[in-house]
Amino acid sequence: MRVRMGRGAFAASLLALMLVGCGSPRLAVGAASQVGVAALQHRAIGDSLTDAQIRLRLGALLLEEHEQLFTSVRSEVVEGRVLLLGRVPLREDKVTVVRLAWSIGSVREVIDALETVETPRSTTVFKDLRIEGQVALRLLNDIDVRSHNFNIEAIDGVVHLIGLATTRQELRRAATLSSTVAGVARVVSHVYLTTDPRRLRHTRPGQPI
């Protein structure tokens, strides 16, 4: 007898894999690891839990919408700021992904770095993984950079940094180190300084600042 798994059960299974870190290498560290790192970061543990929950919720929403969106879209979440990366076939798909991200109550900002391409390219996946690993290693080994405050995503050789920096010098240092890794085409920073007033000013669409 063949047992069919419904969409909800399938989503739950995949999200469970995300939590324990047994999924694709593209899936980020699970909620438990984020809590462990929170003690080192310039974020409260409650904020880190919220970020992990946002990411899991977004994954569930993407899967419910379409499995292709779930596999094509990557995200990083820091203090309720959601960075969307990846490639989707249509502009309407970009609109859908952004809308789903904003539908999550704890989201304070959505950064749309999605690309629209009819045929997603997969030949650079392992190259990008190598770049992410080498960037992470360089940040970790530099005494002037608090690497645990930076999240790294690479796509087609473009490195996206999101997180928090204590000073402009640290931010410039992190960007410079990232740019010197072999294969990096450019570095895009979505990093805020810990003193940046925008961390407190973010509002959802339609809400006054």
C-alpha atoms as a PDB file:
ATOM      1  CA  MET A   1       0.000   0.000   0.000  1.00  0.00           C
ATOM      2  CA  ARG A   2       1.392   3.370  -1.004  1.00  0.00           C
ATOM      3  CA  VAL A   3       1.063   6.115   1.581  1.00  0.00           C
ATOM      4  CA  ARG A   4       0.703   9.620   0.179  1.00  0.00           C
ATOM      5  CA  MET A   5       2.095  12.465   2.223  1.00  0.00           C
ATOM      6  CA  GLY A   6      -0.045  15.598   2.223  1.00  0.00           C
ATOM      7  CA  ARG A   7       1.428  19.032   1.651  1.00  0.00           C
ATOM      8  CA  GLY A   8       1.214  19.931   5.326  1.00  0.00           C
ATOM      9  CA  ALA A   9       2.966  16.747   6.440  1.00  0.00           C
ATOM     10  CA  PHE A  10       5.615  17.166   3.757  1.00  0.00           C
ATOM     11  CA  ALA A  11       6.252  20.736   4.879  1.00  0.00           C
ATOM     12  CA  ALA A  12       6.501  19.659   8.489  1.00  0.00           C
ATOM     13  CA  SER A  13       8.981  16.933   7.604  1.00  0.00           C
ATOM     14  CA  LEU A  14      11.227  19.251   5.635  1.00  0.00           C
ATOM     15  CA  LEU A  15      11.104  21.919   8.298  1.00  0.00           C
ATOM     16  CA  ALA A  16      12.003  19.348  10.912  1.00  0.00           C
ATOM     17  CA  LEU A  17      15.083  18.543   8.848  1.00  0.00           C
ATOM     18  CA  MET A  18      15.905  22.237   8.825  1.00  0.00           C
ATOM     19  CA  LEU A  19      15.763  22.332  12.611  1.00  0.00           C
ATOM     20  CA  VAL A  20      18.146  19.443  13.135  1.00  0.00           C
ATOM     21  CA  GLY A  21      20.466  20.481  10.314  1.00  0.00           C
ATOM     22  CA  CYS A  22      19.996  17.360   8.222  1.00  0.00           C
ATOM     23  CA  GLY A  23      18.762  19.007   5.057  1.00  0.00           C
ATOM     24  CA  SER A  24      20.508  20.570   2.080  1.00  0.00           C
ATOM     25  CA  PRO A  25      23.895  22.245   2.687  1.00  0.00           C
ATOM     26  CA  ARG A  26      22.112  25.458   1.761  1.00  0.00           C
ATOM     27  CA  LEU A  27      19.939  25.282   4.877  1.00  0.00           C
ATOM     28  CA  ALA A  28      21.350  27.453   7.645  1.00  0.00           C
ATOM     29  CA  VAL A  29      22.077  26.488  11.234  1.00  0.00           C
ATOM     30  CA  GLY A  30      18.964  25.472  13.172  1.00  0.00           C
ATOM     31  CA  ALA A  31      17.224  27.336  15.940  1.00  0.00           C
ATOM     32  CA  ALA A  32      19.203  25.616  18.699  1.00  0.00           C
ATOM     33  CA  SER A  33      22.514  26.747  17.243  1.00  0.00           C
ATOM     34  CA  GLN A  34      21.242  30.283  16.834  1.00  0.00           C
ATOM     35  CA  VAL A  35      20.416  30.404  20.530  1.00  0.00           C
ATOM     36  CA  GLY A  36      23.956  29.291  21.346  1.00  0.00           C
ATOM     37  CA  VAL A  37      25.470  32.003  19.181  1.00  0.00           C
ATOM     38  CA  ALA A  38      23.143  34.676  20.540  1.00  0.00           C
ATOM     39  CA  ALA A  39      25.181  34.963  23.720  1.00  0.00           C
ATOM     40  CA  LEU A  40      28.099  36.208  21.601  1.00  0.00           C
ATOM     41  CA  GLN A  41      26.124  38.406  19.236  1.00  0.00           C
ATOM     42  CA  HIS A  42      24.804  41.899  19.801  1.00  0.00           C
ATOM     43  CA  ARG A  43      21.304  40.422  20.014  1.00  0.00           C
ATOM     44  CA  ALA A  44      19.197  39.142  22.851  1.00  0.00           C
ATOM     45  CA  ILE A  45      18.410  35.429  22.907  1.00  0.00           C
ATOM     46  CA  GLY A  46      14.753  36.345  22.376  1.00  0.00           C
ATOM     47  CA  ASP A  47      15.664  38.159  19.156  1.00  0.00           C
ATOM     48  CA  SER A  48      17.625  35.161  17.920  1.00  0.00           C
ATOM     49  CA  LEU A  49      14.721  32.835  18.597  1.00  0.00           C
ATOM     50  CA  THR A  50      12.425  35.164  16.717  1.00  0.00           C
ATOM     51  CA  ASP A  51      14.809  35.235  13.742  1.00  0.00           C
ATOM     52  CA  ALA A  52      14.934  31.436  13.644  1.00  0.00           C
ATOM     53  CA  GLN A  53      11.155  31.232  13.867  1.00  0.00           C
ATOM     54  CA  ILE A  54      10.756  33.771  11.060  1.00  0.00           C
ATOM     55  CA  ARG A  55      13.041  31.749   8.827  1.00  0.00           C
ATOM     56  CA  LEU A  56      11.199  28.516   9.525  1.00  0.00           C
ATOM     57  CA  ARG A  57       7.833  30.176   9.007  1.00  0.00           C
ATOM     58  CA  LEU A  58       8.965  31.655   5.690  1.00  0.00           C
ATOM     59  CA  GLY A  59      10.163  28.230   4.556  1.00  0.00           C
ATOM     60  CA  ALA A  60       6.764  26.753   5.377  1.00  0.00           C
ATOM     61  CA  LEU A  61       4.942  29.522   3.509  1.00  0.00           C
ATOM     62  CA  LEU A  62       7.149  29.115   0.440  1.00  0.00           C
ATOM     63  CA  LEU A  63       6.589  25.369   0.429  1.00  0.00           C
ATOM     64  CA  GLU A  64       2.842  25.807   0.768  1.00  0.00           C
ATOM     65  CA  GLU A  65       2.888  28.267  -2.145  1.00  0.00           C
ATOM     66  CA  HIS A  66       5.046  26.156  -4.472  1.00  0.00           C
ATOM     67  CA  GLU A  67       7.841  23.642  -3.976  1.00  0.00           C
ATOM     68  CA  GLN A  68       9.978  25.446  -6.575  1.00  0.00           C
ATOM     69  CA  LEU A  69       9.904  28.614  -4.493  1.00  0.00           C
ATOM     70  CA  PHE A  70      10.977  26.627  -1.425  1.00  0.00           C
ATOM     71  CA  THR A  71      13.999  25.183  -3.255  1.00  0.00           C
ATOM     72  CA  SER A  72      14.912  28.359  -5.167  1.00  0.00           C
ATOM     73  CA  VAL A  73      14.729  31.013  -2.447  1.00  0.00           C
ATOM     74  CA  ARG A  74      17.304  31.397   0.314  1.00  0.00           C
ATOM     75  CA  SER A  75      16.960  33.708   3.279  1.00  0.00           C
ATOM     76  CA  GLU A  76      18.891  35.166   6.183  1.00  0.00           C
ATOM     77  CA  VAL A  77      17.166  36.851   9.114  1.00  0.00           C
ATOM     78  CA  VAL A  78      18.787  39.258  11.573  1.00  0.00           C
ATOM     79  CA  GLU A  79      16.717  41.241  14.067  1.00  0.00           C
ATOM     80  CA  GLY A  80      13.596  40.727  11.983  1.00  0.00           C
ATOM     81  CA  ARG A  81      15.346  41.915   8.799  1.00  0.00           C
ATOM     82  CA  VAL A  82      14.792  39.310   6.077  1.00  0.00           C
ATOM     83  CA  LEU A  83      17.283  39.061   3.211  1.00  0.00           C
ATOM     84  CA  LEU A  84      15.847  37.187   0.218  1.00  0.00           C
ATOM     85  CA  LEU A  85      18.259  35.594  -2.250  1.00  0.00           C
ATOM     86  CA  GLY A  86      18.003  33.195  -5.163  1.00  0.00           C
ATOM     87  CA  ARG A  87      16.448  32.973  -8.600  1.00  0.00           C
ATOM     88  CA  VAL A  88      12.792  32.722  -9.534  1.00  0.00           C
ATOM     89  CA  PRO A  89      11.297  32.363 -13.039  1.00  0.00           C
ATOM     90  CA  LEU A  90       8.877  35.316 -13.050  1.00  0.00           C
ATOM     91  CA  ARG A  91       8.611  38.815 -11.645  1.00  0.00           C
ATOM     92  CA  GLU A  92       5.295  37.720 -10.158  1.00  0.00           C
ATOM     93  CA  ASP A  93       7.216  35.123  -8.171  1.00  0.00           C
ATOM     94  CA  LYS A  94       9.389  37.868  -6.675  1.00  0.00           C
ATOM     95  CA  VAL A  95       6.263  39.758  -5.653  1.00  0.00           C
ATOM     96  CA  THR A  96       4.816  36.595  -4.107  1.00  0.00           C
ATOM     97  CA  VAL A  97       7.962  35.830  -2.087  1.00  0.00           C
ATOM     98  CA  VAL A  98       8.196  39.394  -0.767  1.00  0.00           C
ATOM     99  CA  ARG A  99       4.502  39.339   0.129  1.00  0.00           C
ATOM    100  CA  LEU A 100       4.903  36.062   2.018  1.00  0.00           C
ATOM    101  CA  ALA A 101       7.861  37.452   3.951  1.00  0.00           C
ATOM    102  CA  TRP A 102       5.902  40.560   4.947  1.00  0.00           C
ATOM    103  CA  SER A 103       2.960  38.405   6.034  1.00  0.00           C
ATOM    104  CA  ILE A 104       4.987  37.152   9.009  1.00  0.00           C
ATOM    105  CA  GLY A 105       4.138  39.316  11.985  1.00  0.00           C
ATOM    106  CA  SER A 106       7.663  39.690  13.438  1.00  0.00           C
ATOM    107  CA  VAL A 107       9.259  40.857  10.176  1.00  0.00           C
ATOM    108  CA  ARG A 108      10.470  44.462  10.326  1.00  0.00           C
ATOM    109  CA  GLU A 109      12.201  44.756   6.944  1.00  0.00           C
ATOM    110  CA  VAL A 110      12.411  42.741   3.711  1.00  0.00           C
ATOM    111  CA  ILE A 111      15.510  43.090   1.525  1.00  0.00           C
ATOM    112  CA  ASP A 112      14.679  41.819  -1.959  1.00  0.00           C
ATOM    113  CA  ALA A 113      17.870  40.585  -3.638  1.00  0.00           C
ATOM    114  CA  LEU A 114      16.051  37.987  -5.739  1.00  0.00           C
ATOM    115  CA  GLU A 115      16.877  37.575  -9.425  1.00  0.00           C
ATOM    116  CA  THR A 116      14.448  36.688 -12.184  1.00  0.00           C
ATOM    117  CA  VAL A 117      15.727  34.041 -14.615  1.00  0.00           C
ATOM    118  CA  GLU A 118      13.731  31.525 -16.622  1.00  0.00           C
ATOM    119  CA  THR A 119      16.278  28.730 -16.206  1.00  0.00           C
ATOM    120  CA  PRO A 120      17.943  28.630 -12.775  1.00  0.00           C
ATOM    121  CA  ARG A 121      21.677  27.972 -12.949  1.00  0.00           C
ATOM    122  CA  SER A 122      22.996  25.237 -10.682  1.00  0.00           C
ATOM    123  CA  THR A 123      26.602  24.972 -11.879  1.00  0.00           C
ATOM    124  CA  THR A 124      27.838  27.545  -9.352  1.00  0.00           C
ATOM    125  CA  VAL A 125      26.303  26.034  -6.211  1.00  0.00           C
ATOM    126  CA  PHE A 126      29.449  24.278  -5.000  1.00  0.00           C
ATOM    127  CA  LYS A 127      31.605  27.229  -5.996  1.00  0.00           C
ATOM    128  CA  ASP A 128      29.384  29.482  -3.900  1.00  0.00           C
ATOM    129  CA  LEU A 129      29.531  27.066  -0.982  1.00  0.00           C
ATOM    130  CA  ARG A 130      33.318  27.127  -1.159  1.00  0.00           C
ATOM    131  CA  ILE A 131      33.285  30.935  -1.218  1.00  0.00           C
ATOM    132  CA  GLU A 132      30.974  31.087   1.809  1.00  0.00           C
ATOM    133  CA  GLY A 133      33.240  28.739   3.736  1.00  0.00           C
ATOM    134  CA  GLN A 134      36.399  30.664   2.894  1.00  0.00           C
ATOM    135  CA  VAL A 135      34.825  34.035   3.702  1.00  0.00           C
ATOM    136  CA  ALA A 136      33.599  32.675   7.031  1.00  0.00           C
ATOM    137  CA  LEU A 137      37.074  31.332   7.810  1.00  0.00           C
ATOM    138  CA  ARG A 138      38.747  34.643   7.021  1.00  0.00           C
ATOM    139  CA  LEU A 139      36.339  36.578   9.210  1.00  0.00           C
ATOM    140  CA  LEU A 140      36.785  34.037  12.004  1.00  0.00           C
ATOM    141  CA  ASN A 141      40.575  34.303  11.899  1.00  0.00           C
ATOM    142  CA  ASP A 142      40.699  38.110  11.885  1.00  0.00           C
ATOM    143  CA  ILE A 143      41.045  39.686  15.334  1.00  0.00           C
ATOM    144  CA  ASP A 144      39.434  42.925  14.147  1.00  0.00           C
ATOM    145  CA  VAL A 145      36.180  41.259  13.090  1.00  0.00           C
ATOM    146  CA  ARG A 146      33.568  39.673  15.341  1.00  0.00           C
ATOM    147  CA  SER A 147      32.649  36.992  12.843  1.00  0.00           C
ATOM    148  CA  HIS A 148      29.656  35.723  14.848  1.00  0.00           C
ATOM    149  CA  ASN A 149      27.846  38.985  14.052  1.00  0.00           C
ATOM    150  CA  PHE A 150      27.967  38.395  10.285  1.00  0.00           C
ATOM    151  CA  ASN A 151      25.848  36.036   8.183  1.00  0.00           C
ATOM    152  CA  ILE A 152      27.207  35.155   4.744  1.00  0.00           C
ATOM    153  CA  GLU A 153      25.441  34.131   1.552  1.00  0.00           C
ATOM    154  CA  ALA A 154      27.063  33.786  -1.878  1.00  0.00           C
ATOM    155  CA  ILE A 155      25.276  33.514  -5.200  1.00  0.00           C
ATOM    156  CA  ASP A 156      27.140  33.428  -8.523  1.00  0.00           C
ATOM    157  CA  GLY A 157      30.206  34.743  -6.758  1.00  0.00           C
ATOM    158  CA  VAL A 158      28.402  37.724  -5.244  1.00  0.00           C
ATOM    159  CA  VAL A 159      28.818  37.724  -1.463  1.00  0.00           C
ATOM    160  CA  HIS A 160      25.996  39.168   0.620  1.00  0.00           C
ATOM    161  CA  LEU A 161      26.790  40.125   4.211  1.00  0.00           C
ATOM    162  CA  ILE A 162      24.022  40.780   6.726  1.00  0.00           C
ATOM    163  CA  GLY A 163      24.334  41.345  10.435  1.00  0.00           C
ATOM    164  CA  LEU A 164      25.802  43.893  12.819  1.00  0.00           C
ATOM    165  CA  ALA A 165      29.155  45.661  13.047  1.00  0.00           C
ATOM    166  CA  THR A 166      30.424  47.526  16.073  1.00  0.00           C
ATOM    167  CA  THR A 167      32.321  50.142  14.016  1.00  0.00           C
ATOM    168  CA  ARG A 168      32.637  51.326  10.427  1.00  0.00           C
ATOM    169  CA  GLN A 169      36.215  50.063  10.472  1.00  0.00           C
ATOM    170  CA  GLU A 170      35.008  46.555  11.342  1.00  0.00           C
ATOM    171  CA  LEU A 171      32.433  46.682   8.552  1.00  0.00           C
ATOM    172  CA  ARG A 172      35.036  47.808   6.010  1.00  0.00           C
ATOM    173  CA  ARG A 173      37.419  45.124   7.227  1.00  0.00           C
ATOM    174  CA  ALA A 174      34.783  42.399   6.842  1.00  0.00           C
ATOM    175  CA  ALA A 175      33.938  43.593   3.313  1.00  0.00           C
ATOM    176  CA  THR A 176      37.609  43.776   2.333  1.00  0.00           C
ATOM    177  CA  LEU A 177      38.359  40.295   3.638  1.00  0.00           C
ATOM    178  CA  SER A 178      35.341  38.927   1.772  1.00  0.00           C
ATOM    179  CA  SER A 179      36.361  40.582  -1.493  1.00  0.00           C
ATOM    180  CA  THR A 180      39.827  38.997  -1.476  1.00  0.00           C
ATOM    181  CA  VAL A 181      38.544  35.410  -1.548  1.00  0.00           C
ATOM    182  CA  ALA A 182      39.163  33.749  -4.897  1.00  0.00           C
ATOM    183  CA  GLY A 183      36.053  33.703  -7.089  1.00  0.00           C
ATOM    184  CA  VAL A 184      34.270  36.609  -5.389  1.00  0.00           C
ATOM    185  CA  ALA A 185      32.886  38.994  -8.004  1.00  0.00           C
ATOM    186  CA  ARG A 186      31.700  41.666  -5.548  1.00  0.00           C
ATOM    187  CA  VAL A 187      30.499  42.133  -1.995  1.00  0.00           C
ATOM    188  CA  VAL A 188      27.086  43.544  -1.089  1.00  0.00           C
ATOM    189  CA  SER A 189      26.669  44.728   2.484  1.00  0.00           C
ATOM    190  CA  HIS A 190      23.337  44.694   4.293  1.00  0.00           C
ATOM    191  CA  VAL A 191      25.113  45.175   7.623  1.00  0.00           C
ATOM    192  CA  TYR A 192      24.034  47.762  10.186  1.00  0.00           C
ATOM    193  CA  LEU A 193      26.199  49.347  12.819  1.00  0.00           C
ATOM    194  CA  THR A 194      25.089  48.498  16.349  1.00  0.00           C
ATOM    195  CA  THR A 195      24.526  52.240  16.879  1.00  0.00           C
ATOM    196  CA  ASP A 196      22.490  52.743  13.704  1.00  0.00           C
ATOM    197  CA  PRO A 197      19.135  54.359  14.617  1.00  0.00           C
ATOM    198  CA  ARG A 198      17.472  52.484  11.754  1.00  0.00           C
ATOM    199  CA  ARG A 199      17.587  49.360  13.920  1.00  0.00           C
ATOM    200  CA  LEU A 200      14.823  50.946  15.999  1.00  0.00           C
ATOM    201  CA  ARG A 201      13.000  52.798  13.225  1.00  0.00           C
ATOM    202  CA  HIS A 202      11.988  49.896  11.001  1.00  0.00           C
ATOM    203  CA  THR A 203       8.243  49.685  10.506  1.00  0.00           C
ATOM    204  CA  ARG A 204       5.991  47.455   8.497  1.00  0.00           C
ATOM    205  CA  PRO A 205       4.445  48.814   5.239  1.00  0.00           C
ATOM    206  CA  GLY A 206       1.769  51.374   5.939  1.00  0.00           C
ATOM    207  CA  GLN A 207       2.932  52.113   9.465  1.00  0.00           C
ATOM    208  CA  PRO A 208       4.266  55.590  10.302  1.00  0.00           C
ATOM    209  CA  ILE A 209       7.889  56.045  11.296  1.00  0.00           C
END
